């Protein structure tokens, strides 16, 4: 029996081409017309909260996190999440979601939001957002808008539009913070 040598890593620029291929395989050319893609086009994703899974050195899955302002919630939009067909149904996507949500929580994100299938994401801690509470820059099925509320009052503040948020000021503040011993950054986890 073949043993997979899976490693979860923080995304860097060297992964871009493989991630693009994985997303093309998973979602096809229609991925650029989705409402979540409209948000991602507004600004860059946060590489420190975006992760890949490699099997024997080959990138086989990824998840990205984009900083957003959703109503008055400073959160992150999770996605795309994609796994190569050869590695589906092995728990890799779920592990990437778990890692990304935990990293967002450590960074101080108030919520992790996505548009996805409730039967897949709700067991991972996601909850439905109130029907039509958020306005996206394109059509979405309100029943598929989900959130992991990290701040206590997240649901009450998820009212209004959702758009990309410039997170660069937070990064500068974090660099200036003398108490960085509390910050934990994932670089690699072997499975």
N, C-alpha and C. Protein backbone atom coordinates (compact mmCIF):
# COMPACT_ATOMS: atom_id res chain seq x y z
N UNK A 1 0.84 -1.18 0.00
CA UNK A 1 0.00 0.00 0.00
C UNK A 1 0.89 1.24 0.00
N UNK A 2 0.52 2.24 -0.83
CA UNK A 2 1.28 3.47 -0.95
C UNK A 2 0.94 4.40 0.21
N UNK A 3 1.95 4.87 0.90
CA UNK A 3 1.76 5.84 1.98
C UNK A 3 2.00 7.24 1.43
N UNK A 4 1.00 8.09 1.57
CA UNK A 4 1.14 9.47 1.13
C UNK A 4 1.99 10.25 2.12
N UNK A 5 2.87 11.07 1.60
CA UNK A 5 3.71 11.93 2.41
C UNK A 5 3.14 13.34 2.31
N UNK A 6 2.05 13.61 3.05
CA UNK A 6 1.36 14.88 2.98
C UNK A 6 2.00 15.90 3.92
N UNK A 7 2.20 17.10 3.40
CA UNK A 7 2.73 18.20 4.18
C UNK A 7 1.86 19.42 3.91
N UNK A 8 1.46 20.11 4.97
CA UNK A 8 0.67 21.33 4.86
C UNK A 8 1.60 22.52 5.08
N UNK A 9 1.59 23.46 4.13
CA UNK A 9 2.52 24.59 4.16
C UNK A 9 1.78 25.91 3.97
N UNK A 10 2.35 26.97 4.51
CA UNK A 10 1.87 28.31 4.22
C UNK A 10 2.18 28.59 2.75
N UNK A 11 1.20 29.14 2.05
CA UNK A 11 1.37 29.42 0.62
C UNK A 11 2.45 30.48 0.41
N UNK A 12 3.22 30.33 -0.68
CA UNK A 12 4.12 31.39 -1.12
C UNK A 12 4.03 31.48 -2.65
N UNK A 13 4.72 32.44 -3.23
CA UNK A 13 4.61 32.71 -4.67
C UNK A 13 5.01 31.51 -5.52
N UNK A 14 5.86 30.64 -5.02
CA UNK A 14 6.27 29.47 -5.81
C UNK A 14 5.12 28.49 -6.05
N UNK A 15 4.04 28.63 -5.31
CA UNK A 15 2.89 27.74 -5.46
C UNK A 15 1.86 28.25 -6.46
N UNK A 16 1.99 29.49 -6.94
CA UNK A 16 0.95 30.13 -7.75
C UNK A 16 0.53 29.31 -8.97
N UNK A 17 1.47 28.83 -9.76
CA UNK A 17 1.13 28.10 -10.99
C UNK A 17 0.37 26.81 -10.67
N UNK A 18 0.80 26.08 -9.65
CA UNK A 18 0.12 24.84 -9.28
C UNK A 18 -1.28 25.12 -8.76
N UNK A 19 -1.43 26.20 -7.98
CA UNK A 19 -2.74 26.56 -7.45
C UNK A 19 -3.68 26.94 -8.58
N UNK A 20 -3.20 27.67 -9.55
CA UNK A 20 -4.03 28.04 -10.70
C UNK A 20 -4.50 26.79 -11.44
N UNK A 21 -3.63 25.83 -11.63
CA UNK A 21 -4.00 24.57 -12.30
C UNK A 21 -5.04 23.81 -11.49
N UNK A 22 -4.85 23.72 -10.19
CA UNK A 22 -5.80 23.02 -9.32
C UNK A 22 -7.18 23.68 -9.39
N UNK A 23 -7.21 25.02 -9.32
CA UNK A 23 -8.49 25.74 -9.39
C UNK A 23 -9.15 25.59 -10.75
N UNK A 24 -8.36 25.57 -11.80
CA UNK A 24 -8.91 25.36 -13.15
C UNK A 24 -9.54 23.97 -13.26
N UNK A 25 -8.85 22.96 -12.73
CA UNK A 25 -9.39 21.59 -12.73
C UNK A 25 -10.70 21.51 -11.96
N UNK A 26 -10.72 22.16 -10.81
CA UNK A 26 -11.87 22.04 -9.91
C UNK A 26 -13.07 22.86 -10.37
N UNK A 27 -12.84 24.06 -10.89
CA UNK A 27 -13.95 24.99 -11.12
C UNK A 27 -14.13 25.42 -12.57
N UNK A 28 -13.14 25.17 -13.44
CA UNK A 28 -13.26 25.54 -14.84
C UNK A 28 -13.23 27.05 -15.04
N UNK A 29 -13.49 27.47 -16.29
CA UNK A 29 -13.41 28.91 -16.59
C UNK A 29 -14.52 29.73 -15.93
N UNK A 30 -15.61 29.11 -15.53
CA UNK A 30 -16.71 29.82 -14.89
C UNK A 30 -16.36 30.38 -13.52
N UNK A 31 -15.23 29.97 -12.96
CA UNK A 31 -14.84 30.42 -11.62
C UNK A 31 -14.66 31.93 -11.56
N UNK A 32 -14.33 32.56 -12.67
CA UNK A 32 -14.08 34.00 -12.68
C UNK A 32 -15.36 34.83 -12.65
N UNK A 33 -16.50 34.21 -12.90
CA UNK A 33 -17.76 34.95 -12.93
C UNK A 33 -18.51 34.90 -11.61
N UNK A 34 -18.03 34.13 -10.67
CA UNK A 34 -18.72 33.98 -9.39
C UNK A 34 -18.56 35.22 -8.52
N UNK A 35 -19.53 35.44 -7.64
CA UNK A 35 -19.51 36.61 -6.76
C UNK A 35 -18.26 36.65 -5.89
N UNK A 36 -17.83 35.51 -5.38
CA UNK A 36 -16.63 35.48 -4.54
C UNK A 36 -15.40 35.90 -5.35
N UNK A 37 -15.36 35.53 -6.62
CA UNK A 37 -14.23 35.94 -7.47
C UNK A 37 -14.23 37.45 -7.67
N UNK A 38 -15.40 38.06 -7.71
CA UNK A 38 -15.49 39.53 -7.84
C UNK A 38 -14.85 40.20 -6.63
N UNK A 39 -15.03 39.62 -5.45
CA UNK A 39 -14.39 40.17 -4.24
C UNK A 39 -12.88 39.96 -4.32
N UNK A 40 -12.45 38.78 -4.73
CA UNK A 40 -11.01 38.48 -4.79
C UNK A 40 -10.29 39.35 -5.80
N UNK A 41 -11.01 39.82 -6.82
CA UNK A 41 -10.40 40.70 -7.82
C UNK A 41 -10.12 42.10 -7.26
N UNK A 42 -10.74 42.44 -6.16
CA UNK A 42 -10.61 43.78 -5.59
C UNK A 42 -9.26 44.00 -4.91
N UNK A 43 -8.58 42.93 -4.53
CA UNK A 43 -7.30 43.05 -3.85
C UNK A 43 -6.71 41.69 -3.57
N UNK A 44 -5.48 41.65 -3.12
CA UNK A 44 -4.79 40.37 -2.92
C UNK A 44 -5.31 39.58 -1.72
N UNK A 45 -5.11 38.28 -1.81
CA UNK A 45 -5.41 37.42 -0.66
C UNK A 45 -4.25 37.53 0.33
N UNK A 46 -4.46 37.00 1.51
CA UNK A 46 -3.46 37.04 2.58
C UNK A 46 -2.67 35.73 2.54
N UNK A 47 -1.45 35.80 2.04
CA UNK A 47 -0.64 34.57 1.92
C UNK A 47 -0.34 33.93 3.28
N UNK A 48 -0.28 34.74 4.34
CA UNK A 48 0.01 34.17 5.66
C UNK A 48 -1.14 33.34 6.20
N UNK A 49 -2.33 33.52 5.62
CA UNK A 49 -3.51 32.74 6.03
C UNK A 49 -3.95 31.78 4.94
N UNK A 50 -3.15 31.62 3.90
CA UNK A 50 -3.47 30.74 2.78
C UNK A 50 -2.49 29.57 2.79
N UNK A 51 -2.98 28.38 2.48
CA UNK A 51 -2.20 27.16 2.68
C UNK A 51 -2.31 26.21 1.50
N UNK A 52 -1.30 25.37 1.38
CA UNK A 52 -1.32 24.32 0.37
C UNK A 52 -1.05 22.99 1.07
N UNK A 53 -1.40 21.93 0.36
CA UNK A 53 -1.02 20.59 0.79
C UNK A 53 -0.17 20.00 -0.33
N UNK A 54 0.97 19.45 0.04
CA UNK A 54 1.85 18.81 -0.94
C UNK A 54 1.95 17.33 -0.61
N UNK A 55 1.99 16.53 -1.66
CA UNK A 55 2.19 15.08 -1.53
C UNK A 55 3.48 14.75 -2.25
N UNK A 56 4.46 14.33 -1.50
CA UNK A 56 5.77 13.99 -2.05
C UNK A 56 6.33 15.13 -2.89
N UNK A 57 6.14 16.37 -2.40
CA UNK A 57 6.68 17.54 -3.05
C UNK A 57 5.78 18.19 -4.09
N UNK A 58 4.69 17.55 -4.49
CA UNK A 58 3.77 18.10 -5.49
C UNK A 58 2.59 18.77 -4.80
N UNK A 59 2.30 20.02 -5.19
CA UNK A 59 1.15 20.73 -4.64
C UNK A 59 -0.12 20.09 -5.17
N UNK A 60 -0.96 19.59 -4.24
CA UNK A 60 -2.16 18.85 -4.66
C UNK A 60 -3.45 19.48 -4.13
N UNK A 61 -3.35 20.54 -3.31
CA UNK A 61 -4.55 21.18 -2.78
C UNK A 61 -4.19 22.56 -2.25
N UNK A 62 -5.18 23.44 -2.20
CA UNK A 62 -4.93 24.77 -1.66
C UNK A 62 -6.21 25.39 -1.12
N UNK A 63 -6.01 26.35 -0.24
CA UNK A 63 -7.09 27.19 0.25
C UNK A 63 -6.51 28.59 0.42
N UNK A 64 -7.30 29.58 0.03
CA UNK A 64 -6.86 30.96 0.16
C UNK A 64 -7.83 31.73 1.05
N UNK A 65 -7.29 32.77 1.70
CA UNK A 65 -8.08 33.63 2.57
C UNK A 65 -7.87 35.07 2.12
N UNK A 66 -8.98 35.77 1.90
CA UNK A 66 -8.95 37.15 1.44
C UNK A 66 -9.56 38.04 2.53
N UNK A 67 -8.86 39.11 2.93
CA UNK A 67 -9.44 39.99 3.95
C UNK A 67 -10.66 40.73 3.39
N UNK A 68 -11.74 40.74 4.17
CA UNK A 68 -12.98 41.39 3.75
C UNK A 68 -13.57 42.20 4.89
N UNK A 69 -14.39 43.16 4.50
CA UNK A 69 -15.25 43.85 5.45
C UNK A 69 -16.66 43.43 5.07
N UNK A 70 -17.34 42.73 5.97
CA UNK A 70 -18.69 42.21 5.73
C UNK A 70 -19.62 42.88 6.73
N UNK A 71 -20.40 43.86 6.25
CA UNK A 71 -21.11 44.71 7.18
C UNK A 71 -20.06 45.48 7.96
N UNK A 72 -20.03 45.31 9.28
CA UNK A 72 -18.97 45.94 10.08
C UNK A 72 -17.98 44.91 10.64
N UNK A 73 -18.01 43.70 10.09
CA UNK A 73 -17.14 42.62 10.55
C UNK A 73 -15.86 42.59 9.72
N UNK A 74 -14.72 42.68 10.40
CA UNK A 74 -13.42 42.55 9.74
C UNK A 74 -13.06 41.07 9.75
N UNK A 75 -13.33 40.44 8.62
CA UNK A 75 -13.13 38.99 8.54
C UNK A 75 -12.32 38.59 7.34
N UNK A 76 -12.43 37.32 6.99
CA UNK A 76 -11.73 36.76 5.84
C UNK A 76 -12.70 35.88 5.05
N UNK A 77 -12.59 35.98 3.73
CA UNK A 77 -13.35 35.14 2.82
C UNK A 77 -12.51 33.93 2.49
N UNK A 78 -13.02 32.74 2.83
CA UNK A 78 -12.30 31.51 2.56
C UNK A 78 -12.62 31.04 1.15
N UNK A 79 -11.59 30.72 0.40
CA UNK A 79 -11.78 30.15 -0.92
C UNK A 79 -10.93 30.85 -1.96
N UNK A 80 -10.71 30.20 -3.04
CA UNK A 80 -11.22 28.87 -3.31
C UNK A 80 -10.48 27.80 -2.51
N UNK A 81 -11.21 26.74 -2.24
CA UNK A 81 -10.67 25.52 -1.65
C UNK A 81 -10.75 24.47 -2.74
N UNK A 82 -9.63 23.90 -3.10
CA UNK A 82 -9.63 22.91 -4.17
C UNK A 82 -8.58 21.83 -3.91
N UNK A 83 -8.93 20.60 -4.30
CA UNK A 83 -8.06 19.44 -4.14
C UNK A 83 -8.00 18.72 -5.49
N UNK A 84 -6.81 18.29 -5.89
CA UNK A 84 -6.66 17.54 -7.15
C UNK A 84 -7.56 16.30 -7.09
N UNK A 85 -8.15 15.91 -8.21
CA UNK A 85 -9.03 14.74 -8.24
C UNK A 85 -8.39 13.47 -7.68
N UNK A 86 -7.10 13.31 -7.89
CA UNK A 86 -6.39 12.12 -7.40
C UNK A 86 -6.32 12.04 -5.88
N UNK A 87 -6.63 13.14 -5.19
CA UNK A 87 -6.49 13.17 -3.74
C UNK A 87 -7.79 13.54 -3.02
N UNK A 88 -8.90 13.53 -3.75
CA UNK A 88 -10.19 13.86 -3.13
C UNK A 88 -10.63 12.77 -2.16
N UNK A 89 -11.53 13.15 -1.25
CA UNK A 89 -12.13 12.24 -0.28
C UNK A 89 -11.13 11.60 0.67
N UNK A 90 -10.07 12.33 0.99
CA UNK A 90 -9.07 11.86 1.95
C UNK A 90 -8.95 12.79 3.15
N UNK A 91 -9.86 13.79 3.24
CA UNK A 91 -9.85 14.71 4.36
C UNK A 91 -8.90 15.89 4.19
N UNK A 92 -8.27 16.01 3.04
CA UNK A 92 -7.29 17.08 2.81
C UNK A 92 -7.97 18.45 2.81
N UNK A 93 -9.10 18.57 2.13
CA UNK A 93 -9.82 19.85 2.10
C UNK A 93 -10.27 20.26 3.49
N UNK A 94 -10.79 19.32 4.25
CA UNK A 94 -11.23 19.63 5.62
C UNK A 94 -10.06 20.10 6.49
N UNK A 95 -8.92 19.46 6.32
CA UNK A 95 -7.75 19.85 7.11
C UNK A 95 -7.27 21.25 6.71
N UNK A 96 -7.29 21.56 5.42
CA UNK A 96 -6.92 22.91 4.98
C UNK A 96 -7.86 23.96 5.57
N UNK A 97 -9.16 23.66 5.61
CA UNK A 97 -10.13 24.58 6.20
C UNK A 97 -9.83 24.77 7.68
N UNK A 98 -9.59 23.68 8.39
CA UNK A 98 -9.29 23.76 9.82
C UNK A 98 -8.06 24.63 10.07
N UNK A 99 -7.00 24.42 9.28
CA UNK A 99 -5.76 25.17 9.44
C UNK A 99 -6.00 26.65 9.15
N UNK A 100 -6.73 26.96 8.08
CA UNK A 100 -6.97 28.36 7.69
C UNK A 100 -7.82 29.09 8.72
N UNK A 101 -8.86 28.44 9.22
CA UNK A 101 -9.72 29.08 10.22
C UNK A 101 -8.93 29.33 11.50
N UNK A 102 -8.13 28.37 11.93
CA UNK A 102 -7.33 28.55 13.15
C UNK A 102 -6.32 29.68 12.97
N UNK A 103 -5.72 29.79 11.79
CA UNK A 103 -4.76 30.87 11.54
C UNK A 103 -5.46 32.23 11.55
N UNK A 104 -6.65 32.30 10.96
CA UNK A 104 -7.41 33.56 10.96
C UNK A 104 -7.77 33.97 12.38
N UNK A 105 -8.15 33.01 13.18
CA UNK A 105 -8.49 33.29 14.58
C UNK A 105 -7.27 33.84 15.33
N UNK A 106 -6.11 33.22 15.12
CA UNK A 106 -4.88 33.70 15.78
C UNK A 106 -4.52 35.10 15.33
N UNK A 107 -4.81 35.44 14.08
CA UNK A 107 -4.47 36.77 13.55
C UNK A 107 -5.44 37.84 14.02
N UNK A 108 -6.56 37.44 14.63
CA UNK A 108 -7.51 38.42 15.12
C UNK A 108 -8.70 38.66 14.22
N UNK A 109 -8.89 37.82 13.22
CA UNK A 109 -10.05 37.94 12.34
C UNK A 109 -11.32 37.77 13.16
N UNK A 110 -12.36 38.52 12.81
CA UNK A 110 -13.62 38.43 13.54
C UNK A 110 -14.54 37.33 13.00
N UNK A 111 -14.26 36.85 11.77
CA UNK A 111 -15.09 35.82 11.16
C UNK A 111 -14.41 35.27 9.93
N UNK A 112 -14.77 34.05 9.59
CA UNK A 112 -14.37 33.45 8.32
C UNK A 112 -15.67 33.17 7.57
N UNK A 113 -15.78 33.74 6.38
CA UNK A 113 -17.02 33.70 5.60
C UNK A 113 -16.73 32.94 4.31
N UNK A 114 -17.73 32.25 3.79
CA UNK A 114 -17.60 31.61 2.49
C UNK A 114 -18.97 31.40 1.86
N UNK A 115 -18.95 31.08 0.58
CA UNK A 115 -20.14 30.65 -0.14
C UNK A 115 -19.89 29.18 -0.44
N UNK A 116 -20.67 28.29 0.15
CA UNK A 116 -20.40 26.87 -0.02
C UNK A 116 -21.55 26.00 0.40
N UNK A 117 -21.31 24.70 0.34
CA UNK A 117 -22.32 23.70 0.65
C UNK A 117 -22.42 23.48 2.16
N UNK A 118 -23.57 23.80 2.76
CA UNK A 118 -23.71 23.61 4.21
C UNK A 118 -23.40 22.19 4.69
N UNK A 119 -23.80 21.12 3.98
CA UNK A 119 -23.48 19.78 4.49
C UNK A 119 -21.98 19.51 4.61
N UNK A 120 -21.17 20.15 3.80
CA UNK A 120 -19.71 19.98 3.88
C UNK A 120 -19.12 20.88 4.97
N UNK A 121 -19.52 22.14 5.00
CA UNK A 121 -18.87 23.13 5.86
C UNK A 121 -19.44 23.22 7.28
N UNK A 122 -20.71 22.98 7.48
CA UNK A 122 -21.28 23.11 8.84
C UNK A 122 -20.63 22.17 9.85
N UNK A 123 -20.29 20.92 9.50
CA UNK A 123 -19.57 20.09 10.47
C UNK A 123 -18.17 20.62 10.82
N UNK A 124 -17.68 21.58 10.03
CA UNK A 124 -16.37 22.18 10.29
C UNK A 124 -16.48 23.47 11.10
N UNK A 125 -17.68 23.76 11.63
CA UNK A 125 -17.88 24.92 12.48
C UNK A 125 -18.56 26.10 11.82
N UNK A 126 -18.93 25.97 10.55
CA UNK A 126 -19.61 27.07 9.87
C UNK A 126 -21.10 27.07 10.20
N UNK A 127 -21.67 28.27 10.19
CA UNK A 127 -23.10 28.46 10.45
C UNK A 127 -23.69 29.29 9.32
N UNK A 128 -24.98 29.15 9.10
CA UNK A 128 -25.63 29.97 8.08
C UNK A 128 -25.70 31.42 8.54
N UNK A 129 -25.45 32.32 7.59
CA UNK A 129 -25.63 33.76 7.82
C UNK A 129 -27.10 34.05 7.61
N UNK A 130 -27.67 35.01 8.31
CA UNK A 130 -29.08 35.37 8.15
C UNK A 130 -29.38 35.61 6.67
N UNK A 131 -30.54 35.16 6.24
CA UNK A 131 -30.94 35.22 4.84
C UNK A 131 -30.84 36.64 4.29
N UNK A 132 -30.09 36.81 3.21
CA UNK A 132 -29.90 38.09 2.53
C UNK A 132 -29.27 39.17 3.41
N UNK A 133 -28.55 38.79 4.47
CA UNK A 133 -27.92 39.77 5.35
C UNK A 133 -26.76 40.48 4.65
N UNK A 134 -26.05 39.76 3.77
CA UNK A 134 -24.90 40.33 3.08
C UNK A 134 -25.19 40.51 1.61
N UNK A 135 -24.73 41.62 1.07
CA UNK A 135 -24.87 41.91 -0.35
C UNK A 135 -23.52 41.68 -1.02
N UNK A 136 -23.50 40.75 -1.97
CA UNK A 136 -22.28 40.42 -2.71
C UNK A 136 -22.25 41.16 -4.04
N UNK A 137 -21.08 41.31 -4.65
CA UNK A 137 -20.97 41.99 -5.94
C UNK A 137 -21.35 41.06 -7.10
N UNK A 138 -22.42 40.36 -6.94
CA UNK A 138 -22.92 39.41 -7.93
C UNK A 138 -23.90 38.49 -7.25
N UNK A 139 -24.63 37.70 -8.04
CA UNK A 139 -25.65 36.84 -7.44
C UNK A 139 -25.06 35.69 -6.63
N UNK A 140 -25.67 35.41 -5.49
CA UNK A 140 -25.33 34.25 -4.66
C UNK A 140 -26.62 33.66 -4.12
N UNK A 141 -26.59 32.39 -3.82
CA UNK A 141 -27.70 31.73 -3.14
C UNK A 141 -27.53 32.05 -1.65
N UNK A 142 -28.43 32.83 -1.05
CA UNK A 142 -28.27 33.21 0.36
C UNK A 142 -28.20 32.01 1.31
N UNK A 143 -28.71 30.87 0.91
CA UNK A 143 -28.65 29.68 1.75
C UNK A 143 -27.25 29.08 1.81
N UNK A 144 -26.35 29.54 0.95
CA UNK A 144 -24.99 29.00 0.89
C UNK A 144 -23.96 29.96 1.51
N UNK A 145 -24.41 31.08 2.06
CA UNK A 145 -23.49 32.03 2.70
C UNK A 145 -23.31 31.58 4.15
N UNK A 146 -22.08 31.22 4.48
CA UNK A 146 -21.78 30.61 5.77
C UNK A 146 -20.67 31.40 6.49
N UNK A 147 -20.60 31.22 7.80
CA UNK A 147 -19.62 31.94 8.60
C UNK A 147 -19.18 31.09 9.79
N UNK A 148 -17.90 31.21 10.13
CA UNK A 148 -17.42 30.79 11.45
C UNK A 148 -17.31 32.10 12.23
N UNK A 149 -18.24 32.33 13.17
CA UNK A 149 -18.19 33.57 13.94
C UNK A 149 -17.10 33.47 15.01
N UNK A 150 -16.14 34.36 14.95
CA UNK A 150 -15.06 34.35 15.93
C UNK A 150 -15.33 35.39 17.01
N UNK A 151 -15.73 36.59 16.62
CA UNK A 151 -16.13 37.62 17.58
C UNK A 151 -17.52 37.28 18.12
N UNK A 152 -17.79 37.68 19.35
CA UNK A 152 -19.04 37.35 20.03
C UNK A 152 -20.26 37.85 19.27
N UNK A 153 -20.20 39.06 18.72
CA UNK A 153 -21.37 39.68 18.09
C UNK A 153 -21.35 39.60 16.56
N UNK A 154 -20.67 38.62 16.02
CA UNK A 154 -20.48 38.53 14.56
C UNK A 154 -21.80 38.54 13.80
N UNK A 155 -22.73 37.67 14.15
CA UNK A 155 -23.98 37.56 13.39
C UNK A 155 -24.73 38.88 13.36
N UNK A 156 -24.77 39.59 14.45
CA UNK A 156 -25.50 40.86 14.51
C UNK A 156 -24.88 41.92 13.60
N UNK A 157 -23.56 41.84 13.39
CA UNK A 157 -22.87 42.85 12.58
C UNK A 157 -22.70 42.44 11.12
N UNK A 158 -23.12 41.23 10.75
CA UNK A 158 -23.06 40.79 9.35
C UNK A 158 -24.29 41.30 8.61
N UNK A 159 -24.35 42.59 8.42
CA UNK A 159 -25.46 43.25 7.74
C UNK A 159 -24.88 44.27 6.77
N UNK A 160 -25.18 44.13 5.47
CA UNK A 160 -24.71 45.10 4.49
C UNK A 160 -23.88 44.44 3.41
N UNK A 161 -22.98 45.22 2.85
CA UNK A 161 -22.18 44.70 1.73
C UNK A 161 -20.92 44.01 2.24
N UNK A 162 -20.36 43.17 1.35
CA UNK A 162 -19.09 42.51 1.62
C UNK A 162 -18.14 42.90 0.50
N UNK A 163 -16.93 43.30 0.88
CA UNK A 163 -15.94 43.74 -0.09
C UNK A 163 -14.55 43.47 0.46
N UNK A 164 -13.56 43.51 -0.43
CA UNK A 164 -12.17 43.35 -0.03
C UNK A 164 -11.78 44.45 0.95
N UNK A 165 -10.93 44.08 1.90
CA UNK A 165 -10.46 45.01 2.93
C UNK A 165 -8.94 45.08 2.86
N UNK A 166 -8.41 46.30 2.86
CA UNK A 166 -6.97 46.50 2.85
C UNK A 166 -6.44 46.16 4.24
N UNK A 167 -5.71 45.07 4.32
CA UNK A 167 -5.19 44.57 5.58
C UNK A 167 -3.76 45.02 5.83
N UNK A 168 -3.20 45.84 4.94
CA UNK A 168 -1.78 46.20 5.04
C UNK A 168 -1.47 47.00 6.30
N UNK A 169 -2.41 47.81 6.80
CA UNK A 169 -2.15 48.58 8.02
C UNK A 169 -2.04 47.66 9.22
N UNK A 170 -2.82 46.57 9.23
CA UNK A 170 -2.72 45.60 10.33
C UNK A 170 -1.35 44.93 10.32
N UNK A 171 -0.83 44.62 9.12
CA UNK A 171 0.47 43.95 9.03
C UNK A 171 1.58 44.86 9.56
N UNK A 172 1.52 46.15 9.24
CA UNK A 172 2.51 47.10 9.73
C UNK A 172 2.42 47.21 11.24
N UNK A 173 1.20 47.29 11.78
CA UNK A 173 1.03 47.37 13.23
C UNK A 173 1.58 46.12 13.91
N UNK A 174 1.35 44.95 13.31
CA UNK A 174 1.83 43.69 13.90
C UNK A 174 3.36 43.65 13.90
N UNK A 175 3.99 44.18 12.84
CA UNK A 175 5.46 44.21 12.80
C UNK A 175 6.02 45.11 13.89
N UNK A 176 5.30 46.18 14.22
CA UNK A 176 5.75 47.11 15.24
C UNK A 176 5.48 46.62 16.66
N UNK A 177 4.66 45.61 16.80
CA UNK A 177 4.26 45.11 18.11
C UNK A 177 5.42 44.34 18.74
N UNK A 178 5.79 44.70 19.95
CA UNK A 178 6.88 44.02 20.64
C UNK A 178 6.45 42.66 21.19
N UNK A 179 5.15 42.39 21.25
CA UNK A 179 4.66 41.16 21.86
C UNK A 179 4.34 40.11 20.80
N UNK A 180 5.28 39.89 19.88
CA UNK A 180 5.04 38.93 18.81
C UNK A 180 5.26 37.49 19.26
N UNK A 181 5.67 37.28 20.52
CA UNK A 181 5.86 35.92 21.00
C UNK A 181 4.55 35.16 21.01
N UNK A 182 3.41 35.87 21.08
CA UNK A 182 2.12 35.20 21.11
C UNK A 182 1.63 34.79 19.72
N UNK A 183 2.29 35.28 18.67
CA UNK A 183 1.87 34.96 17.31
C UNK A 183 2.45 33.62 16.91
N UNK A 184 1.60 32.74 16.43
CA UNK A 184 2.03 31.43 15.98
C UNK A 184 1.81 31.37 14.48
N UNK A 185 2.83 31.01 13.74
CA UNK A 185 2.70 30.92 12.29
C UNK A 185 3.00 29.49 11.87
N UNK A 186 2.09 28.93 11.08
CA UNK A 186 2.25 27.59 10.57
C UNK A 186 3.19 27.63 9.38
N UNK A 187 4.19 26.79 9.38
CA UNK A 187 5.05 26.68 8.21
C UNK A 187 4.98 25.28 7.63
N UNK A 188 4.88 24.26 8.44
CA UNK A 188 4.78 22.91 7.89
C UNK A 188 4.24 21.96 8.94
N UNK A 189 3.37 21.07 8.48
CA UNK A 189 2.85 20.01 9.32
C UNK A 189 2.93 18.73 8.49
N UNK A 190 3.63 17.74 8.95
CA UNK A 190 3.71 16.46 8.24
C UNK A 190 2.61 15.56 8.75
N UNK A 191 1.97 14.84 7.83
CA UNK A 191 0.92 13.90 8.20
C UNK A 191 1.34 12.51 7.82
